[in-house]
Amino acid sequence: IQGSMSDIQMVMSARASRKWDGAYTSDAERFLSDMSHKLRAYHILFWASQARRYRILLTDRGLSRMVAKGVLTNKEKEAFDLQR
């Protein structure tokens, strides 16, 4: 999974729109930042669902802690709450 996520990030960063000086446009920066956040959260939640030792992250307490640490937004946590 880590290799695939790295591939996704490489493709996104290579294809993101840039200014004439090579810097990312503000839209591209927002997009890449948002996608990095989502991929990081996905990676953590994937392992929480696969490895018993990380299952606590799937509880309300674990999700709340991830919100406090900035791994998830409150809106993302609420989406998980609705699914349980």
Protein backbone atom coordinates (compact mmCIF):
# COMPACT_ATOMS: atom_id res chain seq x y z
CA ILE A 1 0.00 0.00 0.00
CA GLN A 2 2.84 2.41 0.77
CA GLY A 3 4.34 2.03 -2.70
CA SER A 4 1.00 2.64 -4.37
CA MET A 5 0.40 5.74 -2.28
CA SER A 6 3.84 7.03 -3.21
CA ASP A 7 3.04 6.44 -6.89
CA ILE A 8 -0.22 8.37 -6.55
CA GLN A 9 1.54 11.29 -4.88
CA MET A 10 4.28 11.34 -7.52
CA VAL A 11 1.76 11.44 -10.38
CA MET A 12 -0.26 14.19 -8.69
CA SER A 13 2.79 16.35 -7.98
CA ALA A 14 4.16 15.85 -11.50
CA ARG A 15 0.85 16.76 -13.15
CA ALA A 16 -0.16 19.65 -10.86
CA SER A 17 -0.39 23.02 -12.59
CA ARG A 18 2.53 25.37 -12.16
CA LYS A 19 3.38 29.00 -12.69
CA TRP A 20 5.97 30.12 -15.23
CA ASP A 21 8.69 29.88 -12.55
CA GLY A 22 7.90 26.24 -11.75
CA ALA A 23 6.10 26.90 -8.46
CA TYR A 24 2.67 25.34 -7.94
CA THR A 25 -0.37 27.52 -8.53
CA SER A 26 -2.43 28.25 -5.43
CA ASP A 27 -5.17 25.86 -6.64
CA ALA A 28 -2.60 23.11 -7.18
CA GLU A 29 -1.11 23.69 -3.71
CA ARG A 30 -4.57 23.43 -2.12
CA PHE A 31 -5.34 20.29 -4.09
CA LEU A 32 -2.03 18.60 -3.22
CA SER A 33 -2.38 19.53 0.44
CA ASP A 34 -5.94 18.18 0.56
CA MET A 35 -4.96 14.96 -1.18
CA SER A 36 -1.96 14.48 1.14
CA HIS A 37 -4.30 14.85 4.09
CA LYS A 38 -6.73 12.30 2.65
CA LEU A 39 -4.01 9.79 1.75
CA ARG A 40 -2.44 10.09 5.21
CA ALA A 41 -5.84 9.49 6.86
CA TYR A 42 -6.56 6.58 4.49
CA HIS A 43 -3.22 4.97 5.31
CA ILE A 44 -3.84 5.17 9.06
CA LEU A 45 -7.41 3.91 8.76
CA PHE A 46 -6.35 1.10 6.44
CA TRP A 47 -3.91 -0.25 9.02
CA ALA A 48 -6.43 0.30 11.81
CA SER A 49 -8.81 -1.99 9.94
CA GLN A 50 -6.14 -4.61 9.17
CA ALA A 51 -4.06 -4.86 12.34
CA ARG A 52 -5.70 -5.70 15.62
CA ARG A 53 -3.26 -3.56 17.60
CA TYR A 54 -4.50 -0.39 15.82
CA ARG A 55 -8.24 -1.14 16.00
CA ILE A 56 -8.66 1.38 18.83
CA LEU A 57 -8.28 4.07 16.18
CA LEU A 58 -11.64 3.01 14.75
CA THR A 59 -13.45 3.73 18.04
CA ASP A 60 -15.00 7.08 18.93
CA ARG A 61 -12.10 7.74 21.28
CA GLY A 62 -9.54 6.96 18.57
CA LEU A 63 -11.31 9.03 15.92
CA SER A 64 -11.61 11.95 18.36
CA ARG A 65 -7.88 11.74 19.07
CA MET A 66 -7.14 11.77 15.34
CA VAL A 67 -9.24 14.95 15.04
CA ALA A 68 -7.29 16.50 17.93
CA LYS A 69 -4.00 15.62 16.20
CA GLY A 70 -5.17 16.96 12.82
CA VAL A 71 -5.22 13.59 11.06
CA LEU A 72 -8.98 13.88 10.46
CA THR A 73 -11.27 16.87 10.33
CA ASN A 74 -14.36 16.97 12.51
CA LYS A 75 -16.48 16.66 9.35
CA GLU A 76 -14.62 13.47 8.36
CA LYS A 77 -15.10 12.04 11.86
CA GLU A 78 -18.82 12.81 11.69
CA ALA A 79 -19.02 10.89 8.40
CA PHE A 80 -17.56 7.84 10.19
CA ASP A 81 -20.02 8.32 13.06
CA LEU A 82 -22.94 8.21 10.60
CA GLN A 83 -21.70 4.94 9.10
CA ARG A 84 -21.54 3.08 12.40
